[in-house]
Amino acid sequence: MTTDAIDQPRSLAEPSATLFLRIGVVMRLTGLGRSTIYRLMADEEFPSPVRLTKRVVAWRRSDLERWSEARPKATH
């Protein structure tokens, strides 16, 4: 079994980065766990995925970039 390009993590700033990101990549990029992502989605505080096939969902890279930019900056 080969790894699809959709599962390969890349910099979000890269213009050629994958358009859709699967849950594993989203978890690595955000530092959030699966249950936290789904809880935030239920609270409408995290982008919802899009359905690619009957059994596959993924997040739009652009939605994740907007979500990340909207996060408050840490003040120490």
N, C-alpha and C. Protein backbone atom coordinates (compact mmCIF):
# COMPACT_ATOMS: atom_id res chain seq x y z
N MET A 1 0.85 -1.17 0.00
CA MET A 1 0.00 0.00 0.00
C MET A 1 0.89 1.23 0.00
N THR A 2 0.59 2.18 -0.86
CA THR A 2 1.39 3.40 -0.94
C THR A 2 0.70 4.52 -0.20
N THR A 3 1.48 5.50 0.18
CA THR A 3 0.93 6.66 0.87
C THR A 3 0.55 7.70 -0.18
N ASP A 4 -0.67 8.15 -0.15
CA ASP A 4 -1.13 9.17 -1.09
C ASP A 4 -0.55 10.51 -0.74
N ALA A 5 -0.42 11.39 -1.72
CA ALA A 5 0.08 12.74 -1.49
C ALA A 5 -0.81 13.50 -0.52
N ILE A 6 -2.08 13.12 -0.44
CA ILE A 6 -3.02 13.81 0.46
C ILE A 6 -2.63 13.64 1.92
N ASP A 7 -1.88 12.57 2.23
CA ASP A 7 -1.49 12.30 3.61
C ASP A 7 -0.12 12.86 3.97
N GLN A 8 0.58 13.45 3.03
CA GLN A 8 1.92 13.94 3.28
C GLN A 8 1.87 15.32 3.92
N PRO A 9 2.46 15.49 5.12
CA PRO A 9 2.48 16.82 5.74
C PRO A 9 3.42 17.75 4.99
N ARG A 10 2.96 18.96 4.79
CA ARG A 10 3.78 20.00 4.17
C ARG A 10 3.51 21.30 4.89
N SER A 11 4.36 22.24 4.68
CA SER A 11 4.16 23.56 5.26
C SER A 11 2.89 24.17 4.72
N LEU A 12 2.08 24.77 5.60
CA LEU A 12 0.86 25.41 5.15
C LEU A 12 1.16 26.65 4.31
N ALA A 13 2.36 27.19 4.43
CA ALA A 13 2.72 28.38 3.67
C ALA A 13 3.12 28.04 2.24
N GLU A 14 3.40 26.77 1.97
CA GLU A 14 3.81 26.33 0.65
C GLU A 14 2.66 26.47 -0.34
N PRO A 15 2.83 27.20 -1.44
CA PRO A 15 1.74 27.37 -2.38
C PRO A 15 1.30 26.06 -3.03
N SER A 16 2.21 25.11 -3.17
CA SER A 16 1.87 23.84 -3.80
C SER A 16 1.42 22.79 -2.78
N ALA A 17 1.20 23.20 -1.55
CA ALA A 17 0.79 22.24 -0.52
C ALA A 17 -0.56 21.63 -0.89
N THR A 18 -0.79 20.44 -0.38
CA THR A 18 -2.01 19.71 -0.66
C THR A 18 -3.25 20.52 -0.33
N LEU A 19 -4.23 20.48 -1.19
CA LEU A 19 -5.47 21.22 -1.00
C LEU A 19 -6.29 20.64 0.15
N PHE A 20 -6.37 19.32 0.25
CA PHE A 20 -7.13 18.65 1.31
C PHE A 20 -6.19 17.89 2.23
N LEU A 21 -6.47 17.98 3.54
CA LEU A 21 -5.63 17.31 4.54
C LEU A 21 -6.47 16.34 5.34
N ARG A 22 -5.97 15.13 5.52
CA ARG A 22 -6.67 14.11 6.29
C ARG A 22 -6.41 14.33 7.78
N ILE A 23 -7.15 13.64 8.63
CA ILE A 23 -7.14 13.88 10.08
C ILE A 23 -5.74 13.75 10.69
N GLY A 24 -4.95 12.80 10.26
CA GLY A 24 -3.61 12.63 10.83
C GLY A 24 -2.73 13.85 10.60
N VAL A 25 -2.80 14.41 9.41
CA VAL A 25 -2.02 15.61 9.09
C VAL A 25 -2.56 16.80 9.86
N VAL A 26 -3.89 16.91 9.96
CA VAL A 26 -4.50 18.01 10.72
C VAL A 26 -4.06 17.94 12.18
N MET A 27 -4.02 16.74 12.75
CA MET A 27 -3.58 16.58 14.14
C MET A 27 -2.13 17.02 14.30
N ARG A 28 -1.25 16.63 13.38
CA ARG A 28 0.16 17.02 13.48
C ARG A 28 0.33 18.52 13.31
N LEU A 29 -0.39 19.12 12.37
CA LEU A 29 -0.23 20.55 12.11
C LEU A 29 -0.77 21.42 13.24
N THR A 30 -1.89 21.00 13.84
CA THR A 30 -2.50 21.82 14.88
C THR A 30 -2.00 21.48 16.27
N GLY A 31 -1.47 20.29 16.46
CA GLY A 31 -1.06 19.85 17.79
C GLY A 31 -2.24 19.41 18.63
N LEU A 32 -3.41 19.28 18.02
CA LEU A 32 -4.63 18.86 18.73
C LEU A 32 -4.88 17.38 18.52
N GLY A 33 -5.51 16.75 19.48
CA GLY A 33 -5.89 15.35 19.35
C GLY A 33 -7.19 15.21 18.58
N ARG A 34 -7.46 14.00 18.12
CA ARG A 34 -8.66 13.72 17.35
C ARG A 34 -9.93 14.11 18.10
N SER A 35 -10.04 13.73 19.37
CA SER A 35 -11.26 14.04 20.12
C SER A 35 -11.41 15.54 20.34
N THR A 36 -10.31 16.25 20.51
CA THR A 36 -10.37 17.71 20.67
C THR A 36 -10.85 18.37 19.39
N ILE A 37 -10.36 17.90 18.26
CA ILE A 37 -10.78 18.45 16.97
C ILE A 37 -12.29 18.26 16.80
N TYR A 38 -12.78 17.06 17.07
CA TYR A 38 -14.21 16.80 16.89
C TYR A 38 -15.07 17.54 17.93
N ARG A 39 -14.53 17.73 19.13
CA ARG A 39 -15.27 18.52 20.12
C ARG A 39 -15.36 19.98 19.69
N LEU A 40 -14.25 20.53 19.20
CA LEU A 40 -14.25 21.91 18.71
C LEU A 40 -15.19 22.06 17.51
N MET A 41 -15.24 21.05 16.65
CA MET A 41 -16.18 21.09 15.53
C MET A 41 -17.62 21.12 16.03
N ALA A 42 -17.92 20.31 17.05
CA ALA A 42 -19.28 20.28 17.61
C ALA A 42 -19.64 21.62 18.22
N ASP A 43 -18.64 22.32 18.78
CA ASP A 43 -18.85 23.65 19.37
C ASP A 43 -18.75 24.75 18.32
N GLU A 44 -18.60 24.37 17.05
CA GLU A 44 -18.45 25.30 15.93
C GLU A 44 -17.26 26.24 16.11
N GLU A 45 -16.16 25.69 16.65
CA GLU A 45 -14.94 26.46 16.87
C GLU A 45 -13.77 25.94 16.03
N PHE A 46 -14.05 25.01 15.13
CA PHE A 46 -13.02 24.43 14.26
C PHE A 46 -13.67 24.14 12.92
N PRO A 47 -12.92 24.32 11.82
CA PRO A 47 -13.52 24.09 10.50
C PRO A 47 -14.05 22.65 10.35
N SER A 48 -15.14 22.53 9.65
CA SER A 48 -15.70 21.21 9.36
C SER A 48 -15.00 20.62 8.15
N PRO A 49 -14.88 19.30 8.09
CA PRO A 49 -14.27 18.67 6.92
C PRO A 49 -15.25 18.63 5.75
N VAL A 50 -14.72 18.30 4.60
CA VAL A 50 -15.55 18.09 3.42
C VAL A 50 -15.49 16.60 3.07
N ARG A 51 -16.56 16.09 2.52
CA ARG A 51 -16.62 14.68 2.14
C ARG A 51 -15.99 14.52 0.76
N LEU A 52 -14.94 13.68 0.67
CA LEU A 52 -14.28 13.42 -0.60
C LEU A 52 -14.89 12.21 -1.30
N THR A 53 -15.23 11.21 -0.51
CA THR A 53 -15.93 10.02 -1.02
C THR A 53 -16.93 9.61 0.06
N LYS A 54 -17.60 8.51 -0.18
CA LYS A 54 -18.60 8.05 0.77
C LYS A 54 -18.02 7.84 2.17
N ARG A 55 -16.76 7.40 2.25
CA ARG A 55 -16.16 7.08 3.54
C ARG A 55 -14.95 7.93 3.91
N VAL A 56 -14.64 8.94 3.12
CA VAL A 56 -13.43 9.74 3.35
C VAL A 56 -13.79 11.21 3.49
N VAL A 57 -13.28 11.82 4.59
CA VAL A 57 -13.41 13.26 4.76
C VAL A 57 -12.02 13.86 4.92
N ALA A 58 -11.90 15.14 4.59
CA ALA A 58 -10.63 15.85 4.73
C ALA A 58 -10.95 17.33 4.95
N TRP A 59 -9.97 18.05 5.45
CA TRP A 59 -10.13 19.49 5.72
C TRP A 59 -9.47 20.27 4.61
N ARG A 60 -10.09 21.38 4.24
CA ARG A 60 -9.47 22.29 3.27
C ARG A 60 -8.31 23.00 3.96
N ARG A 61 -7.18 23.03 3.29
CA ARG A 61 -6.00 23.70 3.83
C ARG A 61 -6.31 25.17 4.10
N SER A 62 -7.05 25.81 3.20
CA SER A 62 -7.37 27.23 3.35
C SER A 62 -8.23 27.48 4.60
N ASP A 63 -9.16 26.57 4.91
CA ASP A 63 -9.98 26.70 6.12
C ASP A 63 -9.11 26.62 7.37
N LEU A 64 -8.15 25.72 7.36
CA LEU A 64 -7.26 25.56 8.52
C LEU A 64 -6.35 26.77 8.68
N GLU A 65 -5.90 27.34 7.55
CA GLU A 65 -5.06 28.54 7.62
C GLU A 65 -5.84 29.71 8.23
N ARG A 66 -7.10 29.90 7.80
CA ARG A 66 -7.92 30.98 8.36
C ARG A 66 -8.17 30.75 9.85
N TRP A 67 -8.45 29.51 10.24
CA TRP A 67 -8.68 29.18 11.65
C TRP A 67 -7.43 29.50 12.46
N SER A 68 -6.28 29.11 11.95
CA SER A 68 -5.02 29.34 12.65
C SER A 68 -4.74 30.83 12.82
N GLU A 69 -4.96 31.61 11.78
CA GLU A 69 -4.72 33.06 11.85
C GLU A 69 -5.67 33.75 12.82
N ALA A 70 -6.86 33.20 13.01
CA ALA A 70 -7.86 33.80 13.90
C ALA A 70 -7.62 33.47 15.38
N ARG A 71 -6.71 32.53 15.66
CA ARG A 71 -6.44 32.14 17.04
C ARG A 71 -5.77 33.30 17.77
N PRO A 72 -6.11 33.52 19.04
CA PRO A 72 -5.47 34.61 19.79
C PRO A 72 -3.98 34.32 20.00
N LYS A 73 -3.21 35.37 19.99
CA LYS A 73 -1.77 35.24 20.24
C LYS A 73 -1.53 35.06 21.74
N ALA A 74 -0.57 34.22 22.07
CA ALA A 74 -0.22 34.00 23.48
C ALA A 74 0.53 35.21 24.01
N THR A 75 0.18 35.63 25.21
CA THR A 75 0.90 36.73 25.85
C THR A 75 1.54 36.22 27.12
N HIS A 76 2.82 36.39 27.21
CA HIS A 76 3.55 35.90 28.41
C HIS A 76 4.21 37.06 29.09
